[in-house]
Amino acid sequence: MASWAKKKLFYRALMAETEEKREAAKDEAASAGVKFGAKANSLIANQESLYLLESLADVQDWTLDLIDQRTENILSLAWDQIAPWLFE
């Protein structure tokens, strides 16, 4: 499994809004010694900006509290979508 540092660089490239920012993110990764494979480069090149990853951009360390908060948020969002269907 990739380290958080490598994943973070990949996510930064995926959420870049422009080709210029994607290239800058890939350059940053390369400078850090991270080389993306062909599949990762293809995803970065062909992906529209993934705004759902923006909340990860500033995460330095995954802590239990952070994971619990994200879990609660995701479950709440899922419930908001599922509950109306369940209780029609």
PDB file of N, CA and C in Angstrom:
ATOM      1  N   MET A   1       0.845  -1.175   0.000  1.00  0.00           N
ATOM      2  CA  MET A   1       0.000   0.000   0.000  1.00  0.00           C
ATOM      3  C   MET A   1       0.892   1.242   0.000  1.00  0.00           C
ATOM      4  N   ALA A   2       0.506   2.227  -0.759  1.00  0.00           N
ATOM      5  CA  ALA A   2       1.300   3.447  -0.869  1.00  0.00           C
ATOM      6  C   ALA A   2       1.247   4.243   0.432  1.00  0.00           C
ATOM      7  N   SER A   3       2.321   4.951   0.694  1.00  0.00           N
ATOM      8  CA  SER A   3       2.368   5.783   1.891  1.00  0.00           C
ATOM      9  C   SER A   3       1.413   6.961   1.740  1.00  0.00           C
ATOM     10  N   TRP A   4       1.040   7.560   2.884  1.00  0.00           N
ATOM     11  CA  TRP A   4       0.161   8.728   2.839  1.00  0.00           C
ATOM     12  C   TRP A   4       0.818   9.855   2.044  1.00  0.00           C
ATOM     13  N   ALA A   5       2.119  10.035   2.174  1.00  0.00           N
ATOM     14  CA  ALA A   5       2.802  11.102   1.436  1.00  0.00           C
ATOM     15  C   ALA A   5       2.630  10.921  -0.073  1.00  0.00           C
ATOM     16  N   LYS A   6       2.765   9.696  -0.546  1.00  0.00           N
ATOM     17  CA  LYS A   6       2.608   9.433  -1.978  1.00  0.00           C
ATOM     18  C   LYS A   6       1.157   9.620  -2.407  1.00  0.00           C
ATOM     19  N   LYS A   7       0.231   9.110  -1.611  1.00  0.00           N
ATOM     20  CA  LYS A   7      -1.184   9.271  -1.931  1.00  0.00           C
ATOM     21  C   LYS A   7      -1.560  10.748  -1.989  1.00  0.00           C
ATOM     22  N   LYS A   8      -1.045  11.512  -1.040  1.00  0.00           N
ATOM     23  CA  LYS A   8      -1.362  12.944  -0.979  1.00  0.00           C
ATOM     24  C   LYS A   8      -0.889  13.650  -2.253  1.00  0.00           C
ATOM     25  N   LEU A   9       0.291  13.320  -2.730  1.00  0.00           N
ATOM     26  CA  LEU A   9       0.794  13.913  -3.972  1.00  0.00           C
ATOM     27  C   LEU A   9      -0.082  13.511  -5.158  1.00  0.00           C
ATOM     28  N   PHE A  10      -0.524  12.265  -5.175  1.00  0.00           N
ATOM     29  CA  PHE A  10      -1.402  11.789  -6.236  1.00  0.00           C
ATOM     30  C   PHE A  10      -2.746  12.514  -6.170  1.00  0.00           C
ATOM     31  N   TYR A  11      -3.311  12.630  -4.978  1.00  0.00           N
ATOM     32  CA  TYR A  11      -4.590  13.331  -4.832  1.00  0.00           C
ATOM     33  C   TYR A  11      -4.465  14.794  -5.248  1.00  0.00           C
ATOM     34  N   ARG A  12      -3.358  15.412  -4.903  1.00  0.00           N
ATOM     35  CA  ARG A  12      -3.135  16.815  -5.284  1.00  0.00           C
ATOM     36  C   ARG A  12      -3.150  16.945  -6.809  1.00  0.00           C
ATOM     37  N   ALA A  13      -2.537  16.007  -7.487  1.00  0.00           N
ATOM     38  CA  ALA A  13      -2.535  16.036  -8.954  1.00  0.00           C
ATOM     39  C   ALA A  13      -3.942  15.804  -9.505  1.00  0.00           C
ATOM     40  N   LEU A  14      -4.685  14.884  -8.888  1.00  0.00           N
ATOM     41  CA  LEU A  14      -6.041  14.597  -9.356  1.00  0.00           C
ATOM     42  C   LEU A  14      -7.000  15.763  -9.153  1.00  0.00           C
ATOM     43  N   MET A  15      -6.791  16.546  -8.098  1.00  0.00           N
ATOM     44  CA  MET A  15      -7.735  17.630  -7.846  1.00  0.00           C
ATOM     45  C   MET A  15      -7.308  18.946  -8.480  1.00  0.00           C
ATOM     46  N   ALA A  16      -6.203  18.937  -9.186  1.00  0.00           N
ATOM     47  CA  ALA A  16      -5.756  20.149  -9.873  1.00  0.00           C
ATOM     48  C   ALA A  16      -6.793  20.570 -10.908  1.00  0.00           C
ATOM     49  N   GLU A  17      -7.063  21.847 -10.949  1.00  0.00           N
ATOM     50  CA  GLU A  17      -8.126  22.365 -11.806  1.00  0.00           C
ATOM     51  C   GLU A  17      -7.705  22.583 -13.249  1.00  0.00           C
ATOM     52  N   THR A  18      -6.415  22.677 -13.486  1.00  0.00           N
ATOM     53  CA  THR A  18      -5.943  22.942 -14.843  1.00  0.00           C
ATOM     54  C   THR A  18      -4.797  21.995 -15.188  1.00  0.00           C
ATOM     55  N   GLU A  19      -4.521  21.895 -16.471  1.00  0.00           N
ATOM     56  CA  GLU A  19      -3.400  21.067 -16.916  1.00  0.00           C
ATOM     57  C   GLU A  19      -2.086  21.583 -16.334  1.00  0.00           C
ATOM     58  N   GLU A  20      -1.951  22.890 -16.277  1.00  0.00           N
ATOM     59  CA  GLU A  20      -0.738  23.496 -15.717  1.00  0.00           C
ATOM     60  C   GLU A  20      -0.552  23.087 -14.255  1.00  0.00           C
ATOM     61  N   LYS A  21      -1.629  23.103 -13.483  1.00  0.00           N
ATOM     62  CA  LYS A  21      -1.547  22.709 -12.077  1.00  0.00           C
ATOM     63  C   LYS A  21      -1.291  21.208 -11.943  1.00  0.00           C
ATOM     64  N   ARG A  22      -1.854  20.421 -12.859  1.00  0.00           N
ATOM     65  CA  ARG A  22      -1.584  18.976 -12.833  1.00  0.00           C
ATOM     66  C   ARG A  22      -0.104  18.707 -13.071  1.00  0.00           C
ATOM     67  N   GLU A  23       0.454  19.398 -14.061  1.00  0.00           N
ATOM     68  CA  GLU A  23       1.876  19.218 -14.353  1.00  0.00           C
ATOM     69  C   GLU A  23       2.736  19.670 -13.178  1.00  0.00           C
ATOM     70  N   ALA A  24       2.366  20.766 -12.539  1.00  0.00           N
ATOM     71  CA  ALA A  24       3.117  21.250 -11.371  1.00  0.00           C
ATOM     72  C   ALA A  24       3.054  20.219 -10.241  1.00  0.00           C
ATOM     73  N   ALA A  25       1.881  19.609 -10.052  1.00  0.00           N
ATOM     74  CA  ALA A  25       1.741  18.592  -9.009  1.00  0.00           C
ATOM     75  C   ALA A  25       2.574  17.356  -9.339  1.00  0.00           C
ATOM     76  N   LYS A  26       2.588  16.973 -10.615  1.00  0.00           N
ATOM     77  CA  LYS A  26       3.422  15.834 -11.020  1.00  0.00           C
ATOM     78  C   LYS A  26       4.902  16.160 -10.833  1.00  0.00           C
ATOM     79  N   ASP A  27       5.304  17.393 -11.149  1.00  0.00           N
ATOM     80  CA  ASP A  27       6.693  17.816 -10.941  1.00  0.00           C
ATOM     81  C   ASP A  27       7.056  17.784  -9.460  1.00  0.00           C
ATOM     82  N   GLU A  28       6.117  18.226  -8.615  1.00  0.00           N
ATOM     83  CA  GLU A  28       6.344  18.197  -7.164  1.00  0.00           C
ATOM     84  C   GLU A  28       6.548  16.755  -6.697  1.00  0.00           C
ATOM     85  N   ALA A  29       5.729  15.859  -7.210  1.00  0.00           N
ATOM     86  CA  ALA A  29       5.870  14.446  -6.848  1.00  0.00           C
ATOM     87  C   ALA A  29       7.230  13.917  -7.295  1.00  0.00           C
ATOM     88  N   ALA A  30       7.609  14.243  -8.525  1.00  0.00           N
ATOM     89  CA  ALA A  30       8.899  13.780  -9.042  1.00  0.00           C
ATOM     90  C   ALA A  30      10.049  14.312  -8.186  1.00  0.00           C
ATOM     91  N   SER A  31       9.940  15.569  -7.770  1.00  0.00           N
ATOM     92  CA  SER A  31      10.981  16.164  -6.914  1.00  0.00           C
ATOM     93  C   SER A  31      11.076  15.459  -5.569  1.00  0.00           C
ATOM     94  N   ALA A  32       9.946  14.902  -5.123  1.00  0.00           N
ATOM     95  CA  ALA A  32       9.920  14.179  -3.850  1.00  0.00           C
ATOM     96  C   ALA A  32      10.311  12.718  -4.032  1.00  0.00           C
ATOM     97  N   GLY A  33      10.678  12.343  -5.273  1.00  0.00           N
ATOM     98  CA  GLY A  33      11.096  10.979  -5.537  1.00  0.00           C
ATOM     99  C   GLY A  33       9.951  10.023  -5.790  1.00  0.00           C
ATOM    100  N   VAL A  34       8.754  10.577  -6.044  1.00  0.00           N
ATOM    101  CA  VAL A  34       7.580   9.750  -6.301  1.00  0.00           C
ATOM    102  C   VAL A  34       7.333   9.712  -7.804  1.00  0.00           C
ATOM    103  N   LYS A  35       7.319   8.507  -8.340  1.00  0.00           N
ATOM    104  CA  LYS A  35       7.062   8.336  -9.758  1.00  0.00           C
ATOM    105  C   LYS A  35       5.738   7.610  -9.914  1.00  0.00           C
ATOM    106  N   PHE A  36       4.813   8.240 -10.617  1.00  0.00           N
ATOM    107  CA  PHE A  36       3.527   7.609 -10.869  1.00  0.00           C
ATOM    108  C   PHE A  36       3.660   6.644 -12.025  1.00  0.00           C
ATOM    109  N   GLY A  37       2.937   5.548 -11.951  1.00  0.00           N
ATOM    110  CA  GLY A  37       2.929   4.580 -13.030  1.00  0.00           C
ATOM    111  C   GLY A  37       2.065   5.062 -14.190  1.00  0.00           C
ATOM    112  N   ALA A  38       2.012   4.264 -15.232  1.00  0.00           N
ATOM    113  CA  ALA A  38       1.260   4.624 -16.435  1.00  0.00           C
ATOM    114  C   ALA A  38      -0.217   4.831 -16.136  1.00  0.00           C
ATOM    115  N   LYS A  39      -0.789   3.971 -15.317  1.00  0.00           N
ATOM    116  CA  LYS A  39      -2.217   4.089 -15.001  1.00  0.00           C
ATOM    117  C   LYS A  39      -2.491   5.373 -14.216  1.00  0.00           C
ATOM    118  N   ALA A  40      -1.661   5.670 -13.235  1.00  0.00           N
ATOM    119  CA  ALA A  40      -1.841   6.893 -12.452  1.00  0.00           C
ATOM    120  C   ALA A  40      -1.696   8.122 -13.335  1.00  0.00           C
ATOM    121  N   ASN A  41      -0.690   8.124 -14.206  1.00  0.00           N
ATOM    122  CA  ASN A  41      -0.508   9.261 -15.111  1.00  0.00           C
ATOM    123  C   ASN A  41      -1.702   9.422 -16.050  1.00  0.00           C
ATOM    124  N   SER A  42      -2.265   8.320 -16.491  1.00  0.00           N
ATOM    125  CA  SER A  42      -3.434   8.374 -17.355  1.00  0.00           C
ATOM    126  C   SER A  42      -4.629   8.966 -16.611  1.00  0.00           C
ATOM    127  N   LEU A  43      -4.831   8.544 -15.371  1.00  0.00           N
ATOM    128  CA  LEU A  43      -5.918   9.104 -14.568  1.00  0.00           C
ATOM    129  C   LEU A  43      -5.742  10.605 -14.363  1.00  0.00           C
ATOM    130  N   ILE A  44      -4.533  11.008 -14.049  1.00  0.00           N
ATOM    131  CA  ILE A  44      -4.255  12.432 -13.828  1.00  0.00           C
ATOM    132  C   ILE A  44      -4.503  13.219 -15.107  1.00  0.00           C
ATOM    133  N   ALA A  45      -4.031  12.719 -16.221  1.00  0.00           N
ATOM    134  CA  ALA A  45      -4.148  13.432 -17.498  1.00  0.00           C
ATOM    135  C   ALA A  45      -5.586  13.541 -17.974  1.00  0.00           C
ATOM    136  N   ASN A  46      -6.396  12.526 -17.715  1.00  0.00           N
ATOM    137  CA  ASN A  46      -7.748  12.486 -18.259  1.00  0.00           C
ATOM    138  C   ASN A  46      -8.846  12.880 -17.281  1.00  0.00           C
ATOM    139  N   GLN A  47      -8.476  13.178 -16.090  1.00  0.00           N
ATOM    140  CA  GLN A  47      -9.460  13.437 -15.052  1.00  0.00           C
ATOM    141  C   GLN A  47      -9.834  14.904 -14.992  1.00  0.00           C
ATOM    142  N   GLU A  48     -11.114  15.154 -14.842  1.00  0.00           N
ATOM    143  CA  GLU A  48     -11.521  16.502 -14.494  1.00  0.00           C
ATOM    144  C   GLU A  48     -11.209  16.656 -13.021  1.00  0.00           C
ATOM    145  N   SER A  49     -11.154  17.880 -12.559  1.00  0.00           N
ATOM    146  CA  SER A  49     -10.816  18.137 -11.166  1.00  0.00           C
ATOM    147  C   SER A  49     -11.739  17.366 -10.229  1.00  0.00           C
ATOM    148  N   LEU A  50     -11.153  16.670  -9.270  1.00  0.00           N
ATOM    149  CA  LEU A  50     -11.933  15.901  -8.299  1.00  0.00           C
ATOM    150  C   LEU A  50     -12.042  16.698  -6.996  1.00  0.00           C
ATOM    151  N   TYR A  51     -13.058  17.507  -6.920  1.00  0.00           N
ATOM    152  CA  TYR A  51     -13.216  18.385  -5.771  1.00  0.00           C
ATOM    153  C   TYR A  51     -13.421  17.631  -4.471  1.00  0.00           C
ATOM    154  N   LEU A  52     -13.898  16.394  -4.558  1.00  0.00           N
ATOM    155  CA  LEU A  52     -14.115  15.626  -3.337  1.00  0.00           C
ATOM    156  C   LEU A  52     -12.807  15.349  -2.599  1.00  0.00           C
ATOM    157  N   LEU A  53     -11.693  15.513  -3.280  1.00  0.00           N
ATOM    158  CA  LEU A  53     -10.401  15.275  -2.638  1.00  0.00           C
ATOM    159  C   LEU A  53      -9.830  16.515  -1.953  1.00  0.00           C
ATOM    160  N   GLU A  54     -10.471  17.670  -2.155  1.00  0.00           N
ATOM    161  CA  GLU A  54      -9.933  18.908  -1.594  1.00  0.00           C
ATOM    162  C   GLU A  54      -9.765  18.850  -0.084  1.00  0.00           C
ATOM    163  N   SER A  55     -10.675  18.172   0.599  1.00  0.00           N
ATOM    164  CA  SER A  55     -10.583  18.103   2.060  1.00  0.00           C
ATOM    165  C   SER A  55      -9.351  17.329   2.520  1.00  0.00           C
ATOM    166  N   LEU A  56      -8.748  16.567   1.628  1.00  0.00           N
ATOM    167  CA  LEU A  56      -7.555  15.793   1.982  1.00  0.00           C
ATOM    168  C   LEU A  56      -6.261  16.587   1.794  1.00  0.00           C
ATOM    169  N   ALA A  57      -6.341  17.696   1.100  1.00  0.00           N
ATOM    170  CA  ALA A  57      -5.136  18.433   0.724  1.00  0.00           C
ATOM    171  C   ALA A  57      -4.307  18.902   1.910  1.00  0.00           C
ATOM    172  N   ASP A  58      -4.960  19.244   3.001  1.00  0.00           N
ATOM    173  CA  ASP A  58      -4.236  19.777   4.147  1.00  0.00           C
ATOM    174  C   ASP A  58      -4.007  18.766   5.267  1.00  0.00           C
ATOM    175  N   VAL A  59      -4.407  17.527   5.051  1.00  0.00           N
ATOM    176  CA  VAL A  59      -4.222  16.503   6.084  1.00  0.00           C
ATOM    177  C   VAL A  59      -2.752  16.126   6.157  1.00  0.00           C
ATOM    178  N   GLN A  60      -2.184  16.311   7.326  1.00  0.00           N
ATOM    179  CA  GLN A  60      -0.784  15.946   7.528  1.00  0.00           C
ATOM    180  C   GLN A  60      -0.664  14.502   8.008  1.00  0.00           C
ATOM    181  N   ASP A  61      -1.499  14.146   8.974  1.00  0.00           N
ATOM    182  CA  ASP A  61      -1.460  12.801   9.544  1.00  0.00           C
ATOM    183  C   ASP A  61      -2.876  12.294   9.745  1.00  0.00           C
ATOM    184  N   TRP A  62      -3.068  11.020   9.440  1.00  0.00           N
ATOM    185  CA  TRP A  62      -4.357  10.395   9.705  1.00  0.00           C
ATOM    186  C   TRP A  62      -4.387   9.997  11.170  1.00  0.00           C
ATOM    187  N   THR A  63      -5.336  10.557  11.889  1.00  0.00           N
ATOM    188  CA  THR A  63      -5.507  10.205  13.290  1.00  0.00           C
ATOM    189  C   THR A  63      -6.860   9.526  13.447  1.00  0.00           C
ATOM    190  N   LEU A  64      -7.044   8.856  14.564  1.00  0.00           N
ATOM    191  CA  LEU A  64      -8.317   8.193  14.826  1.00  0.00           C
ATOM    192  C   LEU A  64      -9.455   9.212  14.843  1.00  0.00           C
ATOM    193  N   ASP A  65      -9.214  10.384  15.443  1.00  0.00           N
ATOM    194  CA  ASP A  65     -10.254  11.421  15.475  1.00  0.00           C
ATOM    195  C   ASP A  65     -10.626  11.879  14.073  1.00  0.00           C
ATOM    196  N   LEU A  66      -9.639  12.096  13.212  1.00  0.00           N
ATOM    197  CA  LEU A  66      -9.911  12.519  11.842  1.00  0.00           C
ATOM    198  C   LEU A  66     -10.704  11.445  11.095  1.00  0.00           C
ATOM    199  N   ILE A  67     -10.304  10.208  11.256  1.00  0.00           N
ATOM    200  CA  ILE A  67     -11.006   9.108  10.591  1.00  0.00           C
ATOM    201  C   ILE A  67     -12.441   9.018  11.098  1.00  0.00           C
ATOM    202  N   ASP A  68     -12.634   9.157  12.410  1.00  0.00           N
ATOM    203  CA  ASP A  68     -13.985   9.123  12.977  1.00  0.00           C
ATOM    204  C   ASP A  68     -14.844  10.262  12.429  1.00  0.00           C
ATOM    205  N   GLN A  69     -14.273  11.464  12.332  1.00  0.00           N
ATOM    206  CA  GLN A  69     -15.017  12.614  11.808  1.00  0.00           C
ATOM    207  C   GLN A  69     -15.406  12.389  10.352  1.00  0.00           C
ATOM    208  N   ARG A  70     -14.481  11.908   9.540  1.00  0.00           N
ATOM    209  CA  ARG A  70     -14.768  11.648   8.122  1.00  0.00           C
ATOM    210  C   ARG A  70     -15.802  10.539   7.976  1.00  0.00           C
ATOM    211  N   THR A  71     -15.705   9.521   8.821  1.00  0.00           N
ATOM    212  CA  THR A  71     -16.667   8.426   8.773  1.00  0.00           C
ATOM    213  C   THR A  71     -18.065   8.929   9.089  1.00  0.00           C
ATOM    214  N   GLU A  72     -18.185   9.708  10.154  1.00  0.00           N
ATOM    215  CA  GLU A  72     -19.491  10.264  10.525  1.00  0.00           C
ATOM    216  C   GLU A  72     -20.050  11.139   9.411  1.00  0.00           C
ATOM    217  N   ASN A  73     -19.208  11.944   8.798  1.00  0.00           N
ATOM    218  CA  ASN A  73     -19.655  12.824   7.724  1.00  0.00           C
ATOM    219  C   ASN A  73     -20.142  12.011   6.520  1.00  0.00           C
ATOM    220  N   ILE A  74     -19.366  11.019   6.118  1.00  0.00           N
ATOM    221  CA  ILE A  74     -19.743  10.196   4.967  1.00  0.00           C
ATOM    222  C   ILE A  74     -21.031   9.421   5.263  1.00  0.00           C
ATOM    223  N   LEU A  75     -21.134   8.860   6.470  1.00  0.00           N
ATOM    224  CA  LEU A  75     -22.351   8.131   6.831  1.00  0.00           C
ATOM    225  C   LEU A  75     -23.563   9.054   6.867  1.00  0.00           C
ATOM    226  N   SER A  76     -23.385  10.265   7.340  1.00  0.00           N
ATOM    227  CA  SER A  76     -24.477  11.237   7.374  1.00  0.00           C
ATOM    228  C   SER A  76     -24.931  11.595   5.960  1.00  0.00           C
ATOM    229  N   LEU A  77     -23.979  11.811   5.068  1.00  0.00           N
ATOM    230  CA  LEU A  77     -24.318  12.122   3.676  1.00  0.00           C
ATOM    231  C   LEU A  77     -25.039  10.949   3.013  1.00  0.00           C
ATOM    232  N   ALA A  78     -24.563   9.749   3.283  1.00  0.00           N
ATOM    233  CA  ALA A  78     -25.217   8.559   2.720  1.00  0.00           C
ATOM    234  C   ALA A  78     -26.629   8.420   3.275  1.00  0.00           C
ATOM    235  N   TRP A  79     -26.787   8.617   4.574  1.00  0.00           N
ATOM    236  CA  TRP A  79     -28.104   8.507   5.190  1.00  0.00           C
ATOM    237  C   TRP A  79     -29.078   9.514   4.576  1.00  0.00           C
ATOM    238  N   ASP A  80     -28.622  10.739   4.361  1.00  0.00           N
ATOM    239  CA  ASP A  80     -29.480  11.765   3.771  1.00  0.00           C
ATOM    240  C   ASP A  80     -30.003  11.336   2.398  1.00  0.00           C
ATOM    241  N   GLN A  81     -29.225  10.567   1.677  1.00  0.00           N
ATOM    242  CA  GLN A  81     -29.643  10.092   0.358  1.00  0.00           C
ATOM    243  C   GLN A  81     -30.503   8.839   0.439  1.00  0.00           C
ATOM    244  N   ILE A  82     -30.197   7.964   1.376  1.00  0.00           N
ATOM    245  CA  ILE A  82     -30.864   6.671   1.469  1.00  0.00           C
ATOM    246  C   ILE A  82     -32.177   6.748   2.252  1.00  0.00           C
ATOM    247  N   ALA A  83     -32.214   7.539   3.312  1.00  0.00           N
ATOM    248  CA  ALA A  83     -33.381   7.569   4.194  1.00  0.00           C
ATOM    249  C   ALA A  83     -34.686   7.864   3.470  1.00  0.00           C
ATOM    250  N   PRO A  84     -34.749   8.860   2.591  1.00  0.00           N
ATOM    251  CA  PRO A  84     -36.032   9.109   1.901  1.00  0.00           C
ATOM    252  C   PRO A  84     -36.513   7.885   1.121  1.00  0.00           C
ATOM    253  N   TRP A  85     -35.612   7.194   0.513  1.00  0.00           N
ATOM    254  CA  TRP A  85     -35.954   5.998  -0.261  1.00  0.00           C
ATOM    255  C   TRP A  85     -36.452   4.869   0.662  1.00  0.00           C
ATOM    256  N   LEU A  86     -35.825   4.746   1.839  1.00  0.00           N
ATOM    257  CA  LEU A  86     -36.204   3.682   2.763  1.00  0.00           C
ATOM    258  C   LEU A  86     -37.577   3.907   3.371  1.00  0.00           C
ATOM    259  N   PHE A  87     -37.940   5.172   3.567  1.00  0.00           N
ATOM    260  CA  PHE A  87     -39.165   5.471   4.303  1.00  0.00           C
ATOM    261  C   PHE A  87     -40.239   6.108   3.432  1.00  0.00           C
ATOM    262  N   GLU A  88     -40.248   5.779   2.148  1.00  0.00           N
ATOM    263  CA  GLU A  88     -41.270   6.314   1.240  1.00  0.00           C
ATOM    264  C   GLU A  88     -42.637   5.869   1.687  1.00  0.00           C
TER     265      GLU A  88
END
